[in-house]
Amino acid sequence: MMDEQAVRSYMGLSVRARMAVFGEDGVLKSVRKKEAGLVLVDRAASANTLDRYRSTCSYAGVPMILVPEDMILKATGRPGMAMAVLRSGFVNKLIGLLSDENGEKRDDIGGAGNIWQTSN
């Protein structure tokens, strides 16, 4: 069973490998162009922001996961409400860390709570 620190480590590695996009415009653009493989959204984001990301991700078939408040900042050193991880091994690893052994989505990583998985 992985912990929050492992998730944060892979988030930071994806930034150093230049496989992450930040900022509302950048994240939404990468999702629409189908470059993003996963979108991580801070649970402190407003309802309108969550709806915007959820609808865009749902339409594009990209998974969106809520992460604990300030996890993106702590893991990457960049402020923001969302982070897109570009299609790479990092996407599979992060989804794997947020899933249990049976492939079911876990919601106990740092109290992540709601996890939305869109169908592909």
N, C-alpha and C. Protein backbone atom coordinates (compact mmCIF):
# COMPACT_ATOMS: atom_id res chain seq x y z
N MET A 1 0.85 -1.18 0.00
CA MET A 1 0.00 0.00 0.00
C MET A 1 0.89 1.24 0.00
N MET A 2 0.72 2.10 -0.97
CA MET A 2 1.54 3.30 -1.09
C MET A 2 0.96 4.43 -0.26
N ASP A 3 1.81 5.39 0.05
CA ASP A 3 1.36 6.51 0.84
C ASP A 3 1.42 7.81 0.04
N GLU A 4 1.03 8.89 0.68
CA GLU A 4 0.98 10.19 0.03
C GLU A 4 2.35 10.64 -0.44
N GLN A 5 3.39 10.29 0.30
CA GLN A 5 4.74 10.70 -0.06
C GLN A 5 5.15 10.13 -1.42
N ALA A 6 4.76 8.91 -1.72
CA ALA A 6 5.09 8.31 -3.02
C ALA A 6 4.38 9.05 -4.14
N VAL A 7 3.13 9.42 -3.92
CA VAL A 7 2.38 10.18 -4.93
C VAL A 7 3.07 11.52 -5.16
N ARG A 8 3.43 12.20 -4.08
CA ARG A 8 4.10 13.50 -4.20
C ARG A 8 5.44 13.37 -4.92
N SER A 9 6.16 12.30 -4.66
CA SER A 9 7.44 12.08 -5.34
C SER A 9 7.27 11.94 -6.84
N TYR A 10 6.28 11.16 -7.26
CA TYR A 10 6.05 11.00 -8.70
C TYR A 10 5.53 12.26 -9.35
N MET A 11 4.76 13.05 -8.59
CA MET A 11 4.32 14.33 -9.13
C MET A 11 5.54 15.23 -9.38
N GLY A 12 6.45 15.29 -8.42
CA GLY A 12 7.66 16.09 -8.57
C GLY A 12 8.55 15.59 -9.69
N LEU A 13 8.68 14.27 -9.83
CA LEU A 13 9.48 13.71 -10.91
C LEU A 13 8.90 14.06 -12.28
N SER A 14 7.57 14.05 -12.38
CA SER A 14 6.96 14.39 -13.67
C SER A 14 7.24 15.84 -14.05
N VAL A 15 7.33 16.72 -13.06
CA VAL A 15 7.66 18.12 -13.34
C VAL A 15 9.10 18.22 -13.82
N ARG A 16 10.00 17.55 -13.13
CA ARG A 16 11.42 17.60 -13.51
C ARG A 16 11.66 16.98 -14.88
N ALA A 17 10.81 16.03 -15.26
CA ALA A 17 10.93 15.39 -16.57
C ALA A 17 10.18 16.17 -17.66
N ARG A 18 9.64 17.31 -17.29
CA ARG A 18 8.87 18.16 -18.21
C ARG A 18 7.66 17.44 -18.80
N MET A 19 7.02 16.65 -17.96
CA MET A 19 5.82 15.91 -18.36
C MET A 19 4.59 16.42 -17.60
N ALA A 20 4.65 17.68 -17.16
CA ALA A 20 3.53 18.26 -16.41
C ALA A 20 3.24 19.66 -16.94
N VAL A 21 1.97 20.03 -16.89
CA VAL A 21 1.52 21.35 -17.34
C VAL A 21 0.73 21.99 -16.19
N PHE A 22 0.95 23.28 -15.98
CA PHE A 22 0.26 24.01 -14.92
C PHE A 22 -0.52 25.17 -15.51
N GLY A 23 -1.40 25.74 -14.69
CA GLY A 23 -2.19 26.89 -15.13
C GLY A 23 -3.46 26.43 -15.80
N GLU A 24 -4.52 27.17 -15.56
CA GLU A 24 -5.82 26.76 -16.09
C GLU A 24 -5.80 26.63 -17.61
N ASP A 25 -5.28 27.62 -18.29
CA ASP A 25 -5.26 27.57 -19.75
C ASP A 25 -4.41 26.41 -20.26
N GLY A 26 -3.24 26.22 -19.68
CA GLY A 26 -2.35 25.15 -20.12
C GLY A 26 -2.94 23.78 -19.89
N VAL A 27 -3.54 23.59 -18.71
CA VAL A 27 -4.13 22.29 -18.39
C VAL A 27 -5.31 21.99 -19.32
N LEU A 28 -6.22 22.94 -19.45
CA LEU A 28 -7.38 22.70 -20.32
C LEU A 28 -6.97 22.50 -21.78
N LYS A 29 -5.98 23.25 -22.23
CA LYS A 29 -5.50 23.09 -23.61
C LYS A 29 -4.90 21.70 -23.82
N SER A 30 -4.10 21.22 -22.87
CA SER A 30 -3.50 19.89 -23.02
C SER A 30 -4.55 18.79 -22.98
N VAL A 31 -5.61 19.00 -22.21
CA VAL A 31 -6.70 18.01 -22.17
C VAL A 31 -7.44 17.99 -23.51
N ARG A 32 -7.76 19.18 -24.02
CA ARG A 32 -8.49 19.25 -25.29
C ARG A 32 -7.69 18.68 -26.45
N LYS A 33 -6.36 18.86 -26.43
CA LYS A 33 -5.50 18.33 -27.49
C LYS A 33 -5.17 16.86 -27.27
N LYS A 34 -5.71 16.28 -26.18
CA LYS A 34 -5.48 14.88 -25.82
C LYS A 34 -4.01 14.58 -25.56
N GLU A 35 -3.29 15.58 -25.05
CA GLU A 35 -1.89 15.39 -24.65
C GLU A 35 -1.81 14.95 -23.19
N ALA A 36 -2.80 15.33 -22.39
CA ALA A 36 -2.82 15.01 -20.97
C ALA A 36 -3.33 13.59 -20.76
N GLY A 37 -2.71 12.89 -19.83
CA GLY A 37 -3.17 11.55 -19.49
C GLY A 37 -3.87 11.52 -18.15
N LEU A 38 -3.69 12.57 -17.35
CA LEU A 38 -4.27 12.64 -16.01
C LEU A 38 -4.30 14.09 -15.57
N VAL A 39 -5.38 14.50 -14.92
CA VAL A 39 -5.47 15.84 -14.36
C VAL A 39 -5.66 15.70 -12.86
N LEU A 40 -4.80 16.38 -12.10
CA LEU A 40 -4.90 16.42 -10.65
C LEU A 40 -5.39 17.80 -10.25
N VAL A 41 -6.45 17.85 -9.46
CA VAL A 41 -7.05 19.12 -9.07
C VAL A 41 -7.06 19.21 -7.55
N ASP A 42 -6.64 20.36 -7.02
CA ASP A 42 -6.63 20.62 -5.59
C ASP A 42 -8.07 20.65 -5.07
N ARG A 43 -8.29 19.98 -3.95
CA ARG A 43 -9.66 19.92 -3.43
C ARG A 43 -10.14 21.27 -2.93
N ALA A 44 -9.25 22.26 -2.78
CA ALA A 44 -9.64 23.60 -2.36
C ALA A 44 -10.16 24.45 -3.52
N ALA A 45 -10.16 23.90 -4.71
CA ALA A 45 -10.64 24.64 -5.88
C ALA A 45 -12.13 24.94 -5.74
N SER A 46 -12.55 26.05 -6.33
CA SER A 46 -13.95 26.44 -6.25
C SER A 46 -14.83 25.48 -7.05
N ALA A 47 -16.12 25.54 -6.78
CA ALA A 47 -17.08 24.68 -7.48
C ALA A 47 -17.05 24.93 -8.99
N ASN A 48 -16.94 26.19 -9.39
CA ASN A 48 -16.90 26.51 -10.82
C ASN A 48 -15.65 25.93 -11.48
N THR A 49 -14.53 26.02 -10.79
CA THR A 49 -13.28 25.46 -11.32
C THR A 49 -13.39 23.96 -11.46
N LEU A 50 -13.92 23.29 -10.43
CA LEU A 50 -14.09 21.84 -10.49
C LEU A 50 -15.01 21.44 -11.64
N ASP A 51 -16.10 22.17 -11.81
CA ASP A 51 -17.02 21.86 -12.91
C ASP A 51 -16.35 22.03 -14.27
N ARG A 52 -15.54 23.08 -14.42
CA ARG A 52 -14.86 23.33 -15.69
C ARG A 52 -13.91 22.18 -16.02
N TYR A 53 -13.10 21.78 -15.03
CA TYR A 53 -12.16 20.67 -15.27
C TYR A 53 -12.91 19.36 -15.48
N ARG A 54 -13.93 19.13 -14.66
CA ARG A 54 -14.66 17.86 -14.77
C ARG A 54 -15.32 17.71 -16.14
N SER A 55 -15.96 18.77 -16.64
CA SER A 55 -16.63 18.66 -17.93
C SER A 55 -15.63 18.51 -19.07
N THR A 56 -14.53 19.24 -19.02
CA THR A 56 -13.51 19.13 -20.07
C THR A 56 -12.87 17.75 -20.06
N CYS A 57 -12.53 17.25 -18.87
CA CYS A 57 -11.91 15.92 -18.76
C CYS A 57 -12.88 14.82 -19.18
N SER A 58 -14.13 14.96 -18.79
CA SER A 58 -15.12 13.96 -19.15
C SER A 58 -15.30 13.89 -20.67
N TYR A 59 -15.38 15.05 -21.31
CA TYR A 59 -15.55 15.09 -22.76
C TYR A 59 -14.34 14.48 -23.48
N ALA A 60 -13.14 14.74 -22.96
CA ALA A 60 -11.92 14.26 -23.61
C ALA A 60 -11.55 12.84 -23.17
N GLY A 61 -12.22 12.31 -22.15
CA GLY A 61 -11.90 10.97 -21.67
C GLY A 61 -10.62 10.90 -20.86
N VAL A 62 -10.29 11.97 -20.16
CA VAL A 62 -9.07 12.03 -19.35
C VAL A 62 -9.47 11.92 -17.88
N PRO A 63 -8.84 11.02 -17.11
CA PRO A 63 -9.19 10.91 -15.69
C PRO A 63 -8.82 12.19 -14.93
N MET A 64 -9.68 12.55 -13.99
CA MET A 64 -9.43 13.70 -13.13
C MET A 64 -9.52 13.23 -11.69
N ILE A 65 -8.51 13.56 -10.89
CA ILE A 65 -8.48 13.12 -9.50
C ILE A 65 -8.31 14.32 -8.60
N LEU A 66 -9.12 14.39 -7.55
CA LEU A 66 -8.96 15.43 -6.54
C LEU A 66 -7.84 15.01 -5.60
N VAL A 67 -6.96 15.93 -5.28
CA VAL A 67 -5.87 15.67 -4.35
C VAL A 67 -6.03 16.59 -3.14
N PRO A 68 -5.41 16.23 -2.01
CA PRO A 68 -5.54 17.05 -0.81
C PRO A 68 -5.07 18.49 -1.06
N GLU A 69 -5.61 19.38 -0.24
CA GLU A 69 -5.29 20.80 -0.35
C GLU A 69 -3.78 21.04 -0.24
N ASP A 70 -3.26 21.85 -1.14
CA ASP A 70 -1.84 22.23 -1.21
C ASP A 70 -0.89 21.09 -1.58
N MET A 71 -1.39 19.94 -1.98
CA MET A 71 -0.51 18.83 -2.37
C MET A 71 0.27 19.18 -3.63
N ILE A 72 -0.37 19.87 -4.57
CA ILE A 72 0.33 20.25 -5.80
C ILE A 72 1.49 21.18 -5.48
N LEU A 73 1.25 22.15 -4.61
CA LEU A 73 2.29 23.09 -4.21
C LEU A 73 3.43 22.38 -3.49
N LYS A 74 3.10 21.52 -2.56
CA LYS A 74 4.14 20.81 -1.79
C LYS A 74 4.94 19.85 -2.65
N ALA A 75 4.30 19.20 -3.60
CA ALA A 75 4.97 18.20 -4.43
C ALA A 75 5.81 18.82 -5.54
N THR A 76 5.35 19.96 -6.07
CA THR A 76 6.01 20.51 -7.25
C THR A 76 6.67 21.86 -7.03
N GLY A 77 6.29 22.53 -5.95
CA GLY A 77 6.83 23.86 -5.71
C GLY A 77 6.15 24.94 -6.52
N ARG A 78 5.09 24.59 -7.21
CA ARG A 78 4.37 25.56 -8.05
C ARG A 78 2.96 25.74 -7.51
N PRO A 79 2.56 26.99 -7.31
CA PRO A 79 1.20 27.22 -6.84
C PRO A 79 0.21 26.98 -7.97
N GLY A 80 -0.97 26.59 -7.61
CA GLY A 80 -2.00 26.38 -8.61
C GLY A 80 -3.02 25.39 -8.14
N MET A 81 -4.14 25.40 -8.81
CA MET A 81 -5.24 24.52 -8.46
C MET A 81 -5.25 23.24 -9.26
N ALA A 82 -4.50 23.18 -10.36
CA ALA A 82 -4.55 21.98 -11.19
C ALA A 82 -3.21 21.72 -11.84
N MET A 83 -3.02 20.46 -12.18
CA MET A 83 -1.80 20.01 -12.84
C MET A 83 -2.19 18.89 -13.80
N ALA A 84 -1.74 19.00 -15.03
CA ALA A 84 -1.96 17.93 -16.00
C ALA A 84 -0.66 17.16 -16.15
N VAL A 85 -0.74 15.84 -16.06
CA VAL A 85 0.42 14.99 -16.31
C VAL A 85 0.28 14.48 -17.73
N LEU A 86 1.28 14.76 -18.55
CA LEU A 86 1.21 14.37 -19.96
C LEU A 86 1.33 12.87 -20.09
N ARG A 87 0.83 12.35 -21.19
CA ARG A 87 0.82 10.90 -21.41
C ARG A 87 2.23 10.33 -21.33
N SER A 88 2.45 9.53 -20.32
CA SER A 88 3.76 8.92 -20.09
C SER A 88 3.60 7.84 -19.03
N GLY A 89 4.71 7.25 -18.64
CA GLY A 89 4.69 6.27 -17.57
C GLY A 89 4.28 6.86 -16.24
N PHE A 90 4.46 8.17 -16.09
CA PHE A 90 4.06 8.83 -14.85
C PHE A 90 2.56 8.72 -14.64
N VAL A 91 1.80 8.81 -15.71
CA VAL A 91 0.35 8.71 -15.60
C VAL A 91 -0.03 7.35 -15.04
N ASN A 92 0.51 6.30 -15.63
CA ASN A 92 0.19 4.95 -15.19
C ASN A 92 0.61 4.73 -13.75
N LYS A 93 1.78 5.23 -13.38
CA LYS A 93 2.27 5.05 -12.02
C LYS A 93 1.41 5.80 -11.01
N LEU A 94 1.05 7.04 -11.32
CA LEU A 94 0.21 7.81 -10.39
C LEU A 94 -1.17 7.18 -10.24
N ILE A 95 -1.76 6.74 -11.34
CA ILE A 95 -3.06 6.08 -11.25
C ILE A 95 -2.92 4.79 -10.45
N GLY A 96 -1.82 4.07 -10.67
CA GLY A 96 -1.57 2.85 -9.90
C GLY A 96 -1.42 3.12 -8.41
N LEU A 97 -0.75 4.20 -8.06
CA LEU A 97 -0.58 4.55 -6.65
C LEU A 97 -1.90 4.94 -6.01
N LEU A 98 -2.80 5.47 -6.81
CA LEU A 98 -4.10 5.89 -6.28
C LEU A 98 -5.15 4.79 -6.43
N SER A 99 -4.71 3.59 -6.80
CA SER A 99 -5.60 2.44 -6.93
C SER A 99 -5.12 1.34 -5.98
N ASP A 100 -6.03 0.50 -5.55
CA ASP A 100 -5.61 -0.62 -4.72
C ASP A 100 -5.23 -1.81 -5.59
N GLU A 101 -4.97 -2.93 -4.97
CA GLU A 101 -4.50 -4.11 -5.69
C GLU A 101 -5.51 -4.63 -6.71
N ASN A 102 -6.80 -4.38 -6.50
CA ASN A 102 -7.84 -4.87 -7.40
C ASN A 102 -8.17 -3.90 -8.51
N GLY A 103 -7.45 -2.76 -8.57
CA GLY A 103 -7.72 -1.78 -9.60
C GLY A 103 -8.82 -0.80 -9.22
N GLU A 104 -9.37 -0.95 -8.01
CA GLU A 104 -10.40 -0.02 -7.54
C GLU A 104 -9.74 1.27 -7.09
N LYS A 105 -10.40 2.38 -7.32
CA LYS A 105 -9.85 3.68 -6.93
C LYS A 105 -9.89 3.81 -5.42
N ARG A 106 -8.77 4.27 -4.86
CA ARG A 106 -8.69 4.50 -3.42
C ARG A 106 -8.96 5.95 -3.13
N ASP A 107 -9.49 6.21 -1.96
CA ASP A 107 -9.70 7.59 -1.58
C ASP A 107 -9.06 7.90 -0.24
N ASP A 108 -8.07 7.11 0.16
CA ASP A 108 -7.44 7.34 1.45
C ASP A 108 -6.08 8.01 1.35
N ILE A 109 -5.65 8.38 0.16
CA ILE A 109 -4.36 9.06 0.01
C ILE A 109 -4.52 10.48 0.53
N GLY A 110 -4.06 10.71 1.71
CA GLY A 110 -4.11 12.05 2.29
C GLY A 110 -5.52 12.60 2.38
N GLY A 111 -6.51 11.73 2.48
CA GLY A 111 -7.89 12.20 2.56
C GLY A 111 -8.38 12.77 1.25
N ALA A 112 -7.96 12.20 0.12
CA ALA A 112 -8.29 12.76 -1.18
C ALA A 112 -9.79 12.83 -1.44
N GLY A 113 -10.57 11.96 -0.83
CA GLY A 113 -12.02 12.06 -0.95
C GLY A 113 -12.52 11.68 -2.32
N ASN A 114 -13.14 12.62 -3.01
CA ASN A 114 -13.77 12.34 -4.29
C ASN A 114 -12.74 12.08 -5.38
N ILE A 115 -12.91 10.97 -6.07
CA ILE A 115 -12.06 10.66 -7.22
C ILE A 115 -12.98 10.36 -8.39
N TRP A 116 -12.82 11.10 -9.46
CA TRP A 116 -13.61 10.90 -10.65
C TRP A 116 -12.78 10.18 -11.68
N GLN A 117 -13.31 9.12 -12.22
CA GLN A 117 -12.64 8.39 -13.29
C GLN A 117 -13.56 8.41 -14.48
N THR A 118 -13.12 9.01 -15.57
CA THR A 118 -13.95 9.02 -16.76
C THR A 118 -13.69 7.76 -17.56
N SER A 119 -14.68 7.31 -18.28
CA SER A 119 -14.50 6.13 -19.11
C SER A 119 -13.79 6.52 -20.40
N ASN A 120 -12.97 5.63 -20.90
CA ASN A 120 -12.22 5.90 -22.14
C ASN A 120 -12.95 5.34 -23.33
